[in-house]
Amino acid sequence: MRVEIITPDKELFKGEAKSVTVPGVDGSMGFLNNHAPLITVLKAGDVKVKTDSGVETFAVKGGVVEVSNNTVIVLAE
């Protein structure tokens, strides 16, 4: 799936991933290919992106995540 993690200052990540884990306000959420469409708010924590080369971790202070058509877009603070 395609993943983008964007802050007001810069783009932290853009590429393909096997899975994404985000810190949702109601708890941690994970996304895989063909996940149902979803928009939700994030709290402070780590966004973890699992790729073929390993796991990358990005600290966020909050934000919004949108999942649709095998694309995960994180608009982070």
C-alpha atoms as a PDB file:
ATOM      1  CA  MET A   1       0.000   0.000   0.000  1.00  0.00           C
ATOM      2  CA  ARG A   2       1.064   3.596  -0.529  1.00  0.00           C
ATOM      3  CA  VAL A   3       1.860   5.636   2.597  1.00  0.00           C
ATOM      4  CA  GLU A   4       2.446   9.364   3.068  1.00  0.00           C
ATOM      5  CA  ILE A   5       3.306  11.030   6.385  1.00  0.00           C
ATOM      6  CA  ILE A   6       3.148  14.804   6.100  1.00  0.00           C
ATOM      7  CA  THR A   7       3.767  17.585   8.642  1.00  0.00           C
ATOM      8  CA  PRO A   8       3.284  21.333   8.110  1.00  0.00           C
ATOM      9  CA  ASP A   9       7.064  21.619   7.656  1.00  0.00           C
ATOM     10  CA  LYS A  10       7.973  18.637   5.494  1.00  0.00           C
ATOM     11  CA  GLU A  11       7.157  15.198   4.171  1.00  0.00           C
ATOM     12  CA  LEU A  12       8.463  12.568   6.603  1.00  0.00           C
ATOM     13  CA  PHE A  13       7.748   9.468   4.515  1.00  0.00           C
ATOM     14  CA  LYS A  14       6.396   8.612   1.080  1.00  0.00           C
ATOM     15  CA  GLY A  15       6.498   5.117  -0.326  1.00  0.00           C
ATOM     16  CA  GLU A  16       5.215   1.564  -0.226  1.00  0.00           C
ATOM     17  CA  ALA A  17       4.610  -0.311   3.032  1.00  0.00           C
ATOM     18  CA  LYS A  18       3.364  -3.687   4.222  1.00  0.00           C
ATOM     19  CA  SER A  19       1.595  -2.237   7.283  1.00  0.00           C
ATOM     20  CA  VAL A  20       1.123   0.984   9.245  1.00  0.00           C
ATOM     21  CA  THR A  21       0.407   1.413  12.964  1.00  0.00           C
ATOM     22  CA  VAL A  22      -0.849   4.751  14.317  1.00  0.00           C
ATOM     23  CA  PRO A  23      -1.694   6.090  17.818  1.00  0.00           C
ATOM     24  CA  GLY A  24      -5.457   6.631  17.590  1.00  0.00           C
ATOM     25  CA  VAL A  25      -7.310   8.524  20.320  1.00  0.00           C
ATOM     26  CA  ASP A  26      -9.061   5.269  21.292  1.00  0.00           C
ATOM     27  CA  GLY A  27      -5.896   3.156  21.102  1.00  0.00           C
ATOM     28  CA  SER A  28      -3.355   1.884  18.633  1.00  0.00           C
ATOM     29  CA  MET A  29      -4.653   1.012  15.146  1.00  0.00           C
ATOM     30  CA  GLY A  30      -3.009  -1.010  12.399  1.00  0.00           C
ATOM     31  CA  PHE A  31      -3.681  -0.951   8.674  1.00  0.00           C
ATOM     32  CA  LEU A  32      -2.943  -3.550   6.003  1.00  0.00           C
ATOM     33  CA  ASN A  33      -3.778  -3.731   2.293  1.00  0.00           C
ATOM     34  CA  ASN A  34      -7.508  -3.569   1.460  1.00  0.00           C
ATOM     35  CA  HIS A  35      -8.444  -1.938   4.783  1.00  0.00           C
ATOM     36  CA  ALA A  36     -11.911  -0.403   4.892  1.00  0.00           C
ATOM     37  CA  PRO A  37     -12.018   3.375   4.305  1.00  0.00           C
ATOM     38  CA  LEU A  38     -11.453   5.325   7.517  1.00  0.00           C
ATOM     39  CA  ILE A  39     -10.725   8.838   8.772  1.00  0.00           C
ATOM     40  CA  THR A  40      -9.787   9.311  12.421  1.00  0.00           C
ATOM     41  CA  VAL A  41      -7.908  11.590  14.817  1.00  0.00           C
ATOM     42  CA  LEU A  42      -4.477  10.751  16.214  1.00  0.00           C
ATOM     43  CA  LYS A  43      -2.986  11.464  19.620  1.00  0.00           C
ATOM     44  CA  ALA A  44       0.694  11.932  20.449  1.00  0.00           C
ATOM     45  CA  GLY A  45       2.763   8.818  19.863  1.00  0.00           C
ATOM     46  CA  ASP A  46       4.648   6.863  17.220  1.00  0.00           C
ATOM     47  CA  VAL A  47       3.577   6.056  13.669  1.00  0.00           C
ATOM     48  CA  LYS A  48       5.260   2.795  12.642  1.00  0.00           C
ATOM     49  CA  VAL A  49       5.670   1.915   8.973  1.00  0.00           C
ATOM     50  CA  LYS A  50       6.720  -1.638   8.110  1.00  0.00           C
ATOM     51  CA  THR A  51       8.499  -1.855   4.751  1.00  0.00           C
ATOM     52  CA  ASP A  52      10.523  -4.539   2.980  1.00  0.00           C
ATOM     53  CA  SER A  53      13.672  -3.093   4.561  1.00  0.00           C
ATOM     54  CA  GLY A  54      12.367  -2.971   8.162  1.00  0.00           C
ATOM     55  CA  VAL A  55      10.286  -0.779  10.454  1.00  0.00           C
ATOM     56  CA  GLU A  56      10.550   3.012  10.451  1.00  0.00           C
ATOM     57  CA  THR A  57       9.169   4.993  13.406  1.00  0.00           C
ATOM     58  CA  PHE A  58       8.001   8.623  13.318  1.00  0.00           C
ATOM     59  CA  ALA A  59       7.020  10.564  16.452  1.00  0.00           C
ATOM     60  CA  VAL A  60       3.880  12.689  16.063  1.00  0.00           C
ATOM     61  CA  LYS A  61       2.130  15.095  18.443  1.00  0.00           C
ATOM     62  CA  GLY A  62      -1.301  14.365  16.980  1.00  0.00           C
ATOM     63  CA  GLY A  63      -3.054  14.727  13.658  1.00  0.00           C
ATOM     64  CA  VAL A  64      -5.419  12.941  11.305  1.00  0.00           C
ATOM     65  CA  VAL A  65      -5.147   9.712   9.304  1.00  0.00           C
ATOM     66  CA  GLU A  66      -7.127   8.790   6.176  1.00  0.00           C
ATOM     67  CA  VAL A  67      -7.217   5.260   4.778  1.00  0.00           C
ATOM     68  CA  SER A  68      -8.747   4.735   1.328  1.00  0.00           C
ATOM     69  CA  ASN A  69      -8.028   2.596  -1.754  1.00  0.00           C
ATOM     70  CA  ASN A  70      -4.821   1.054  -0.336  1.00  0.00           C
ATOM     71  CA  THR A  71      -3.488   4.525   0.529  1.00  0.00           C
ATOM     72  CA  VAL A  72      -2.721   5.745   4.043  1.00  0.00           C
ATOM     73  CA  ILE A  73      -2.227   9.509   4.474  1.00  0.00           C
ATOM     74  CA  VAL A  74      -1.105  10.813   7.869  1.00  0.00           C
ATOM     75  CA  LEU A  75      -1.382  14.574   8.395  1.00  0.00           C
ATOM     76  CA  ALA A  76       0.699  14.957  11.533  1.00  0.00           C
ATOM     77  CA  GLU A  77       1.620  17.755  13.912  1.00  0.00           C
END
